[in-house]
């Protein structure tokens, strides 16, 4: 009987540190995990989704990010937000947003205040105006690219006929 008691005494000793460690760890981890998913959830909570079976014809506007896995025809205007065209997405529209990510097919002009990403599965036929652009290997792109700096957007819009903007346009053509 002494041996089982000794074994019982030795097993509570390891389980005692495990017990305080287990409640302490979850009490800290859930608060950390709650913070991380809470930080990760608002962007996804602020993201609308157009599913595979949906077809939209017309104008899409709003103040949240958009994930498109269906078909959209017309125009998409989401300034300050992200538009993601999923692998199944087929868009025939002009897109205006802060960030545009193309995994599917896009036919139309794209205007991004920040960046445009065309992933390896993506296809974009149209002109791009953005500060940054990324085209992965295997992606399809047909169109023109106009890289604009934040300061140049306003100056070129406010002085379209100035000599400076004409020189910049000439540089863009020759480069």
N, C-alpha and C. Protein backbone atom coordinates (compact mmCIF):
# COMPACT_ATOMS: atom_id res chain seq x y z
N UNK A 1 0.80 -1.19 0.00
CA UNK A 1 0.00 0.00 0.00
C UNK A 1 0.85 1.26 0.00
N UNK A 2 2.04 1.15 0.53
CA UNK A 2 2.89 2.33 0.53
C UNK A 2 3.30 2.72 -0.88
N UNK A 3 3.51 1.75 -1.70
CA UNK A 3 3.91 2.05 -3.07
C UNK A 3 2.80 2.81 -3.81
N UNK A 4 1.54 2.40 -3.73
CA UNK A 4 0.50 3.19 -4.40
C UNK A 4 0.39 4.60 -3.81
N UNK A 5 0.57 4.73 -2.50
CA UNK A 5 0.51 6.07 -1.92
C UNK A 5 1.68 6.93 -2.41
N UNK A 6 2.84 6.29 -2.52
CA UNK A 6 3.98 7.02 -3.03
C UNK A 6 3.75 7.41 -4.49
N UNK A 7 3.17 6.49 -5.24
CA UNK A 7 2.85 6.81 -6.63
C UNK A 7 1.79 7.89 -6.66
N UNK A 8 0.81 7.79 -5.76
CA UNK A 8 -0.22 8.82 -5.67
C UNK A 8 0.37 10.14 -5.26
N UNK A 9 1.35 10.11 -4.33
CA UNK A 9 2.00 11.34 -3.92
C UNK A 9 2.84 11.93 -5.05
N UNK A 10 3.48 11.06 -5.83
CA UNK A 10 4.32 11.56 -6.91
C UNK A 10 3.45 12.06 -8.07
N UNK A 11 2.28 11.46 -8.33
CA UNK A 11 1.44 11.94 -9.42
C UNK A 11 0.72 13.24 -9.06
N UNK A 12 0.30 13.49 -7.78
CA UNK A 12 -0.25 14.81 -7.50
C UNK A 12 0.79 15.91 -7.62
N UNK A 13 2.03 15.58 -7.35
CA UNK A 13 3.07 16.60 -7.46
C UNK A 13 3.19 17.10 -8.91
N UNK A 14 3.27 16.19 -9.92
CA UNK A 14 3.30 16.70 -11.29
C UNK A 14 1.96 17.33 -11.68
N UNK A 15 0.84 16.78 -11.19
CA UNK A 15 -0.45 17.34 -11.59
C UNK A 15 -0.71 18.68 -10.93
N UNK A 16 -0.13 18.91 -9.74
CA UNK A 16 -0.31 20.21 -9.10
C UNK A 16 0.31 21.33 -9.93
N UNK A 17 1.56 21.19 -10.41
CA UNK A 17 2.07 22.26 -11.26
C UNK A 17 1.29 22.36 -12.57
N UNK A 18 0.80 21.22 -13.07
CA UNK A 18 0.04 21.24 -14.31
C UNK A 18 -1.26 22.00 -14.11
N UNK A 19 -1.91 21.78 -12.96
CA UNK A 19 -3.19 22.46 -12.72
C UNK A 19 -3.04 23.98 -12.68
N UNK A 20 -2.09 24.52 -11.89
CA UNK A 20 -1.95 25.97 -11.93
C UNK A 20 -1.48 26.47 -13.29
N UNK A 21 -0.63 25.69 -13.96
CA UNK A 21 -0.14 26.13 -15.26
C UNK A 21 -1.27 26.12 -16.28
N UNK A 22 -2.12 25.11 -16.24
CA UNK A 22 -3.20 25.03 -17.21
C UNK A 22 -4.19 26.19 -17.06
N UNK A 23 -4.68 26.49 -15.83
CA UNK A 23 -5.58 27.63 -15.74
C UNK A 23 -4.88 28.95 -16.03
N UNK A 24 -3.62 29.07 -15.62
CA UNK A 24 -2.91 30.32 -15.86
C UNK A 24 -2.70 30.53 -17.35
N UNK A 25 -2.33 29.47 -18.06
CA UNK A 25 -2.09 29.59 -19.48
C UNK A 25 -3.37 29.95 -20.24
N UNK A 26 -4.49 29.24 -20.02
CA UNK A 26 -5.70 29.64 -20.73
C UNK A 26 -6.16 31.04 -20.35
N UNK A 27 -5.97 31.43 -19.09
CA UNK A 27 -6.43 32.77 -18.72
C UNK A 27 -5.63 33.84 -19.45
N UNK A 28 -4.34 33.57 -19.71
CA UNK A 28 -3.57 34.53 -20.47
C UNK A 28 -3.78 34.34 -21.97
N UNK A 29 -3.77 33.10 -22.44
CA UNK A 29 -3.91 32.84 -23.86
C UNK A 29 -5.26 33.30 -24.40
N UNK A 30 -6.38 33.02 -23.74
CA UNK A 30 -7.63 33.51 -24.31
C UNK A 30 -7.66 35.02 -24.45
N UNK A 31 -7.07 35.74 -23.49
CA UNK A 31 -7.07 37.18 -23.63
C UNK A 31 -6.21 37.59 -24.82
N UNK A 32 -5.08 36.90 -25.02
CA UNK A 32 -4.23 37.18 -26.16
C UNK A 32 -4.93 36.72 -27.43
N UNK A 33 -5.48 35.52 -27.40
CA UNK A 33 -6.17 35.01 -28.57
C UNK A 33 -7.40 35.84 -28.88
N UNK A 34 -8.09 36.29 -27.87
CA UNK A 34 -9.25 37.14 -28.09
C UNK A 34 -8.83 38.44 -28.75
N UNK A 35 -7.68 38.97 -28.34
CA UNK A 35 -7.22 40.21 -28.94
C UNK A 35 -6.82 39.99 -30.39
N UNK A 36 -6.10 38.91 -30.67
CA UNK A 36 -5.65 38.65 -32.03
C UNK A 36 -6.83 38.39 -32.96
N UNK A 37 -7.77 37.49 -32.62
CA UNK A 37 -8.89 37.31 -33.51
C UNK A 37 -9.75 38.57 -33.59
N UNK A 38 -9.86 39.30 -32.49
CA UNK A 38 -10.64 40.53 -32.54
C UNK A 38 -9.99 41.51 -33.52
N UNK A 39 -8.65 41.53 -33.53
CA UNK A 39 -7.96 42.41 -34.46
C UNK A 39 -8.09 41.86 -35.88
N UNK A 40 -8.11 40.55 -36.01
CA UNK A 40 -8.22 39.95 -37.34
C UNK A 40 -9.67 39.95 -37.83
N UNK A 41 -10.63 39.88 -36.92
CA UNK A 41 -12.03 39.80 -37.33
C UNK A 41 -12.60 41.10 -37.89
N UNK A 42 -12.26 42.27 -37.35
CA UNK A 42 -12.86 43.47 -37.90
C UNK A 42 -12.64 43.65 -39.39
N UNK A 43 -11.43 43.39 -39.95
CA UNK A 43 -11.32 43.50 -41.40
C UNK A 43 -12.23 42.51 -42.11
N UNK A 44 -12.31 41.26 -41.60
CA UNK A 44 -13.17 40.29 -42.26
C UNK A 44 -14.63 40.60 -41.98
N UNK A 45 -14.92 41.18 -40.81
CA UNK A 45 -16.28 41.55 -40.49
C UNK A 45 -16.69 42.75 -41.35
N UNK A 46 -15.73 43.59 -41.74
CA UNK A 46 -16.01 44.74 -42.57
C UNK A 46 -15.88 44.41 -44.05
N UNK A 47 -15.81 43.13 -44.38
CA UNK A 47 -15.65 42.72 -45.76
C UNK A 47 -16.92 42.03 -46.24
N UNK A 48 -17.48 42.55 -47.30
CA UNK A 48 -18.65 41.92 -47.91
C UNK A 48 -18.17 40.89 -48.92
N UNK A 49 -19.00 39.89 -49.15
CA UNK A 49 -18.64 38.82 -50.08
C UNK A 49 -19.73 38.62 -51.12
N UNK A 50 -19.32 38.53 -52.37
CA UNK A 50 -20.23 38.17 -53.45
C UNK A 50 -19.89 36.74 -53.81
N UNK A 51 -20.79 35.83 -53.49
CA UNK A 51 -20.54 34.40 -53.64
C UNK A 51 -20.51 33.94 -55.08
N UNK A 52 -20.12 32.66 -55.27
CA UNK A 52 -19.95 32.06 -56.60
C UNK A 52 -21.20 32.14 -57.46
N UNK A 53 -22.36 31.96 -56.86
CA UNK A 53 -23.58 31.88 -57.64
C UNK A 53 -24.24 33.24 -57.88
N UNK A 54 -23.65 34.32 -57.36
CA UNK A 54 -24.26 35.64 -57.52
C UNK A 54 -23.77 36.35 -58.77
N UNK A 55 -24.70 37.04 -59.43
CA UNK A 55 -24.40 37.85 -60.61
C UNK A 55 -24.95 39.23 -60.34
N UNK A 56 -24.09 40.24 -60.42
CA UNK A 56 -24.50 41.61 -60.17
C UNK A 56 -24.23 42.43 -61.41
N UNK A 57 -25.27 43.16 -61.86
CA UNK A 57 -25.13 44.05 -63.00
C UNK A 57 -25.50 45.45 -62.53
N UNK A 58 -24.55 46.38 -62.65
CA UNK A 58 -24.82 47.74 -62.21
C UNK A 58 -23.64 48.33 -61.48
N UNK A 59 -23.93 49.23 -60.54
CA UNK A 59 -22.89 49.95 -59.82
C UNK A 59 -22.79 49.44 -58.39
N UNK A 60 -21.56 49.11 -57.97
CA UNK A 60 -21.32 48.67 -56.60
C UNK A 60 -20.53 49.77 -55.90
N UNK A 61 -21.11 50.35 -54.84
CA UNK A 61 -20.42 51.36 -54.05
C UNK A 61 -20.56 51.00 -52.58
N UNK A 62 -19.68 51.55 -51.76
CA UNK A 62 -19.79 51.28 -50.34
C UNK A 62 -18.58 51.77 -49.58
N UNK A 63 -18.56 51.44 -48.30
CA UNK A 63 -17.46 51.88 -47.44
C UNK A 63 -16.86 50.70 -46.69
N UNK A 64 -16.85 49.53 -47.31
CA UNK A 64 -16.21 48.36 -46.73
C UNK A 64 -15.53 47.58 -47.83
N UNK A 65 -14.62 46.70 -47.45
CA UNK A 65 -13.90 45.89 -48.42
C UNK A 65 -14.84 44.87 -49.05
N UNK A 66 -14.45 44.39 -50.22
CA UNK A 66 -15.32 43.49 -50.98
C UNK A 66 -14.51 42.32 -51.52
N UNK A 67 -15.07 41.11 -51.35
CA UNK A 67 -14.48 39.90 -51.93
C UNK A 67 -15.46 39.38 -52.97
N UNK A 68 -15.00 39.23 -54.21
CA UNK A 68 -15.89 38.83 -55.30
C UNK A 68 -15.50 37.43 -55.76
N UNK A 69 -16.44 36.50 -55.63
CA UNK A 69 -16.24 35.15 -56.15
C UNK A 69 -17.26 34.84 -57.25
N UNK A 70 -18.16 35.77 -57.50
CA UNK A 70 -19.18 35.60 -58.53
C UNK A 70 -18.88 36.48 -59.73
N UNK A 71 -19.96 36.95 -60.39
CA UNK A 71 -19.82 37.80 -61.57
C UNK A 71 -20.35 39.19 -61.27
N UNK A 72 -19.57 40.19 -61.71
CA UNK A 72 -19.98 41.58 -61.56
C UNK A 72 -19.76 42.28 -62.89
N UNK A 73 -20.80 43.00 -63.34
CA UNK A 73 -20.70 43.81 -64.55
C UNK A 73 -21.13 45.22 -64.22
N UNK A 74 -20.37 46.22 -64.66
CA UNK A 74 -20.73 47.60 -64.39
C UNK A 74 -19.56 48.37 -63.85
N UNK A 75 -19.70 48.88 -62.62
CA UNK A 75 -18.60 49.62 -62.00
C UNK A 75 -18.55 49.31 -60.51
N UNK A 76 -17.33 49.35 -59.98
CA UNK A 76 -17.10 49.11 -58.55
C UNK A 76 -16.32 50.30 -58.02
N UNK A 77 -16.90 51.00 -57.04
CA UNK A 77 -16.28 52.19 -56.47
C UNK A 77 -16.26 52.06 -54.96
N UNK A 78 -15.12 51.66 -54.42
CA UNK A 78 -14.95 51.50 -52.97
C UNK A 78 -13.69 52.23 -52.53
N UNK A 79 -13.71 53.56 -52.51
CA UNK A 79 -12.50 54.31 -52.15
C UNK A 79 -12.09 54.04 -50.71
N UNK A 80 -10.79 53.87 -50.51
CA UNK A 80 -10.28 53.62 -49.17
C UNK A 80 -10.41 52.19 -48.71
N UNK A 81 -10.85 51.29 -49.57
CA UNK A 81 -11.06 49.89 -49.19
C UNK A 81 -10.39 48.96 -50.18
N UNK A 82 -10.43 47.66 -49.86
CA UNK A 82 -9.82 46.64 -50.70
C UNK A 82 -10.89 45.91 -51.50
N UNK A 83 -10.58 45.66 -52.76
CA UNK A 83 -11.42 44.82 -53.61
C UNK A 83 -10.58 43.61 -53.99
N UNK A 84 -11.09 42.42 -53.66
CA UNK A 84 -10.39 41.18 -53.99
C UNK A 84 -11.28 40.39 -54.94
N UNK A 85 -10.75 40.06 -56.11
CA UNK A 85 -11.46 39.22 -57.06
C UNK A 85 -10.93 37.81 -56.85
N UNK A 86 -11.77 36.93 -56.30
CA UNK A 86 -11.37 35.57 -55.99
C UNK A 86 -11.11 34.73 -57.22
N UNK A 87 -10.65 33.51 -56.98
CA UNK A 87 -10.31 32.60 -58.09
C UNK A 87 -11.49 32.36 -59.02
N UNK A 88 -12.70 32.32 -58.48
CA UNK A 88 -13.89 32.08 -59.30
C UNK A 88 -14.51 33.38 -59.79
N UNK A 89 -13.96 34.51 -59.38
CA UNK A 89 -14.53 35.80 -59.72
C UNK A 89 -14.31 36.19 -61.17
N UNK A 90 -15.37 36.77 -61.76
CA UNK A 90 -15.30 37.28 -63.13
C UNK A 90 -15.90 38.68 -63.11
N UNK A 91 -15.06 39.67 -63.34
CA UNK A 91 -15.49 41.06 -63.25
C UNK A 91 -15.29 41.73 -64.59
N UNK A 92 -16.37 42.32 -65.09
CA UNK A 92 -16.31 43.16 -66.28
C UNK A 92 -16.75 44.54 -65.83
N UNK A 93 -15.81 45.29 -65.29
CA UNK A 93 -16.14 46.57 -64.69
C UNK A 93 -14.89 47.39 -64.49
N UNK A 94 -15.09 48.70 -64.38
CA UNK A 94 -14.01 49.58 -63.93
C UNK A 94 -14.02 49.55 -62.41
N UNK A 95 -12.83 49.36 -61.83
CA UNK A 95 -12.72 49.24 -60.37
C UNK A 95 -11.91 50.41 -59.84
N UNK A 96 -12.45 51.05 -58.80
CA UNK A 96 -11.75 52.12 -58.11
C UNK A 96 -11.75 51.81 -56.62
N UNK A 97 -10.54 51.63 -56.04
CA UNK A 97 -10.42 51.28 -54.62
C UNK A 97 -9.02 51.64 -54.14
N UNK A 98 -8.78 51.47 -52.85
CA UNK A 98 -7.45 51.71 -52.29
C UNK A 98 -6.48 50.60 -52.72
N UNK A 99 -6.96 49.35 -52.63
CA UNK A 99 -6.13 48.19 -52.94
C UNK A 99 -6.96 47.20 -53.73
N UNK A 100 -6.38 46.65 -54.79
CA UNK A 100 -7.09 45.70 -55.64
C UNK A 100 -6.23 44.46 -55.81
N UNK A 101 -6.80 43.30 -55.48
CA UNK A 101 -6.11 42.02 -55.59
C UNK A 101 -6.88 41.17 -56.60
N UNK A 102 -6.18 40.67 -57.60
CA UNK A 102 -6.82 39.90 -58.67
C UNK A 102 -6.34 38.46 -58.62
N UNK A 103 -7.25 37.55 -58.30
CA UNK A 103 -6.99 36.11 -58.37
C UNK A 103 -7.77 35.48 -59.51
N UNK A 104 -8.84 36.14 -59.94
CA UNK A 104 -9.71 35.64 -61.01
C UNK A 104 -9.51 36.46 -62.27
N UNK A 105 -10.64 36.78 -62.95
CA UNK A 105 -10.57 37.50 -64.23
C UNK A 105 -11.21 38.87 -64.09
N UNK A 106 -10.48 39.87 -64.57
CA UNK A 106 -10.98 41.25 -64.56
C UNK A 106 -10.81 41.82 -65.96
N UNK A 107 -11.90 42.39 -66.49
CA UNK A 107 -11.86 43.10 -67.76
C UNK A 107 -12.38 44.50 -67.49
N UNK A 108 -11.50 45.47 -67.56
CA UNK A 108 -11.86 46.84 -67.30
C UNK A 108 -10.69 47.59 -66.71
N UNK A 109 -10.84 48.90 -66.61
CA UNK A 109 -9.77 49.73 -66.07
C UNK A 109 -9.78 49.67 -64.55
N UNK A 110 -8.59 49.75 -63.97
CA UNK A 110 -8.42 49.62 -62.53
C UNK A 110 -7.70 50.86 -62.02
N UNK A 111 -8.26 51.49 -60.98
CA UNK A 111 -7.66 52.68 -60.39
C UNK A 111 -7.53 52.45 -58.89
N UNK A 112 -6.30 52.32 -58.41
CA UNK A 112 -6.06 52.06 -56.99
C UNK A 112 -5.25 53.21 -56.40
N UNK A 113 -5.71 53.70 -55.25
CA UNK A 113 -4.97 54.78 -54.61
C UNK A 113 -3.69 54.26 -53.97
N UNK A 114 -3.60 52.95 -53.70
CA UNK A 114 -2.39 52.38 -53.11
C UNK A 114 -1.74 51.37 -54.06
N UNK A 115 -2.31 50.16 -54.17
CA UNK A 115 -1.61 49.15 -54.96
C UNK A 115 -2.57 48.20 -55.67
N UNK A 116 -2.02 47.54 -56.69
CA UNK A 116 -2.72 46.50 -57.45
C UNK A 116 -1.85 45.26 -57.42
N UNK A 117 -2.44 44.13 -57.04
CA UNK A 117 -1.73 42.84 -57.05
C UNK A 117 -2.43 41.91 -58.02
N UNK A 118 -1.69 41.39 -58.98
CA UNK A 118 -2.23 40.37 -59.88
C UNK A 118 -1.50 39.09 -59.53
N UNK A 119 -2.22 38.16 -58.95
CA UNK A 119 -1.62 36.91 -58.49
C UNK A 119 -1.46 35.94 -59.66
N UNK A 120 -0.77 34.84 -59.41
CA UNK A 120 -0.40 33.92 -60.48
C UNK A 120 -1.60 33.35 -61.23
N UNK A 121 -2.74 33.19 -60.55
CA UNK A 121 -3.94 32.67 -61.21
C UNK A 121 -4.75 33.78 -61.86
N UNK A 122 -4.37 35.05 -61.62
CA UNK A 122 -5.18 36.18 -62.03
C UNK A 122 -4.99 36.60 -63.47
N UNK A 123 -6.00 37.32 -63.97
CA UNK A 123 -6.00 37.83 -65.33
C UNK A 123 -6.61 39.23 -65.31
N UNK A 124 -5.89 40.21 -65.85
CA UNK A 124 -6.39 41.58 -65.90
C UNK A 124 -6.19 42.14 -67.30
N UNK A 125 -7.30 42.53 -67.92
CA UNK A 125 -7.26 43.17 -69.24
C UNK A 125 -7.81 44.57 -69.07
N UNK A 126 -6.93 45.55 -69.09
CA UNK A 126 -7.35 46.93 -68.91
C UNK A 126 -6.19 47.75 -68.39
N UNK A 127 -6.42 49.05 -68.31
CA UNK A 127 -5.38 49.96 -67.85
C UNK A 127 -5.36 50.03 -66.33
N UNK A 128 -4.15 50.22 -65.78
CA UNK A 128 -3.96 50.28 -64.34
C UNK A 128 -3.38 51.64 -63.97
N UNK A 129 -3.99 52.28 -62.98
CA UNK A 129 -3.44 53.50 -62.39
C UNK A 129 -3.28 53.22 -60.90
N UNK A 130 -2.05 53.28 -60.40
CA UNK A 130 -1.79 52.95 -58.99
C UNK A 130 -0.42 53.49 -58.58
N UNK A 131 -0.18 53.50 -57.27
CA UNK A 131 1.13 53.87 -56.77
C UNK A 131 2.10 52.70 -56.89
N UNK A 132 1.57 51.48 -56.66
CA UNK A 132 2.40 50.27 -56.73
C UNK A 132 1.63 49.19 -57.48
N UNK A 133 2.37 48.33 -58.16
CA UNK A 133 1.74 47.19 -58.84
C UNK A 133 2.65 45.98 -58.68
N UNK A 134 2.01 44.82 -58.54
CA UNK A 134 2.74 43.57 -58.42
C UNK A 134 2.08 42.55 -59.35
N UNK A 135 2.87 41.96 -60.23
CA UNK A 135 2.36 40.95 -61.15
C UNK A 135 3.18 39.69 -60.94
N UNK A 136 2.55 38.64 -60.42
CA UNK A 136 3.27 37.40 -60.15
C UNK A 136 3.50 36.61 -61.44
N UNK A 137 4.48 35.70 -61.38
CA UNK A 137 4.74 34.80 -62.50
C UNK A 137 3.49 33.98 -62.78
N UNK A 138 3.13 33.86 -64.05
CA UNK A 138 1.96 33.08 -64.43
C UNK A 138 0.70 33.91 -64.57
N UNK A 139 0.72 35.15 -64.10
CA UNK A 139 -0.44 36.03 -64.22
C UNK A 139 -0.53 36.55 -65.65
N UNK A 140 -1.75 36.94 -66.04
CA UNK A 140 -1.98 37.52 -67.36
C UNK A 140 -2.33 38.98 -67.19
N UNK A 141 -1.65 39.85 -67.95
CA UNK A 141 -1.95 41.28 -67.93
C UNK A 141 -1.85 41.83 -69.34
N UNK A 142 -2.90 42.54 -69.73
CA UNK A 142 -2.87 43.22 -71.03
C UNK A 142 -3.44 44.61 -70.82
N UNK A 143 -2.61 45.63 -71.02
CA UNK A 143 -3.07 46.99 -70.83
C UNK A 143 -1.91 47.91 -70.51
N UNK A 144 -2.25 49.11 -70.09
CA UNK A 144 -1.24 50.10 -69.76
C UNK A 144 -1.12 50.27 -68.26
N UNK A 145 0.05 50.76 -67.84
CA UNK A 145 0.30 50.98 -66.42
C UNK A 145 0.72 52.43 -66.23
N UNK A 146 0.05 53.10 -65.29
CA UNK A 146 0.40 54.47 -64.93
C UNK A 146 0.69 54.49 -63.44
N UNK A 147 1.98 54.61 -63.09
CA UNK A 147 2.38 54.65 -61.69
C UNK A 147 2.35 56.11 -61.24
N UNK A 148 1.58 56.36 -60.20
CA UNK A 148 1.44 57.73 -59.70
C UNK A 148 1.89 57.81 -58.26
N UNK A 149 2.64 58.85 -57.97
CA UNK A 149 3.04 59.12 -56.59
C UNK A 149 1.92 59.92 -55.93
N UNK A 150 1.83 59.85 -54.60
CA UNK A 150 0.74 60.55 -53.92
C UNK A 150 0.70 62.04 -54.23
N UNK A 151 1.83 62.72 -54.30
CA UNK A 151 1.86 64.15 -54.60
C UNK A 151 1.55 64.45 -56.05
N UNK A 152 1.92 63.54 -56.95
CA UNK A 152 1.73 63.78 -58.38
C UNK A 152 0.28 63.65 -58.82
N UNK A 153 -0.52 62.85 -58.09
CA UNK A 153 -1.92 62.69 -58.48
C UNK A 153 -2.63 64.02 -58.47
N UNK A 154 -2.48 64.77 -57.38
CA UNK A 154 -3.19 66.03 -57.25
C UNK A 154 -2.61 67.08 -58.19
N UNK A 155 -1.28 67.12 -58.31
CA UNK A 155 -0.68 68.14 -59.16
C UNK A 155 -1.01 67.89 -60.63
N UNK A 156 -1.03 66.65 -61.08
CA UNK A 156 -1.35 66.38 -62.48
C UNK A 156 -2.83 66.59 -62.75
N UNK A 157 -3.69 66.37 -61.75
CA UNK A 157 -5.11 66.62 -61.94
C UNK A 157 -5.40 68.11 -61.94
N UNK A 158 -4.70 68.89 -61.10
CA UNK A 158 -4.98 70.31 -61.00
C UNK A 158 -4.35 71.10 -62.15
N UNK A 159 -3.26 70.57 -62.77
CA UNK A 159 -2.60 71.26 -63.87
C UNK A 159 -2.42 70.31 -65.05
N UNK A 160 -3.51 69.89 -65.70
CA UNK A 160 -3.35 68.92 -66.77
C UNK A 160 -2.62 69.46 -67.99
N UNK A 161 -2.64 70.78 -68.25
CA UNK A 161 -2.02 71.33 -69.45
C UNK A 161 -0.69 72.02 -69.17
N UNK A 162 -0.17 71.89 -67.95
CA UNK A 162 1.08 72.56 -67.63
C UNK A 162 2.25 71.87 -68.33
N UNK A 163 3.32 72.62 -68.50
CA UNK A 163 4.52 72.09 -69.16
C UNK A 163 5.13 70.96 -68.34
N UNK A 164 5.08 71.10 -67.00
CA UNK A 164 5.65 70.06 -66.13
C UNK A 164 4.91 68.74 -66.30
N UNK A 165 3.59 68.79 -66.37
CA UNK A 165 2.85 67.54 -66.51
C UNK A 165 3.04 66.95 -67.90
N UNK A 166 3.22 67.81 -68.90
CA UNK A 166 3.48 67.30 -70.25
C UNK A 166 4.84 66.62 -70.30
N UNK A 167 5.83 67.19 -69.60
CA UNK A 167 7.15 66.57 -69.56
C UNK A 167 7.09 65.23 -68.84
N UNK A 168 6.31 65.17 -67.73
CA UNK A 168 6.15 63.90 -67.02
C UNK A 168 5.49 62.87 -67.91
N UNK A 169 4.49 63.28 -68.68
CA UNK A 169 3.81 62.35 -69.58
C UNK A 169 4.79 61.86 -70.65
N UNK A 170 5.65 62.76 -71.14
CA UNK A 170 6.64 62.37 -72.15
C UNK A 170 7.64 61.38 -71.56
N UNK A 171 8.04 61.59 -70.30
CA UNK A 171 8.95 60.67 -69.64
C UNK A 171 8.29 59.31 -69.48
N UNK A 172 7.00 59.29 -69.13
CA UNK A 172 6.29 58.04 -68.93
C UNK A 172 6.22 57.26 -70.24
N UNK A 173 6.05 57.96 -71.34
CA UNK A 173 5.95 57.30 -72.63
C UNK A 173 7.31 56.74 -73.05
N UNK A 174 8.39 57.51 -72.82
CA UNK A 174 9.71 57.08 -73.26
C UNK A 174 10.27 55.97 -72.39
N UNK A 175 9.83 55.87 -71.15
CA UNK A 175 10.35 54.86 -70.23
C UNK A 175 9.74 53.58 -70.51
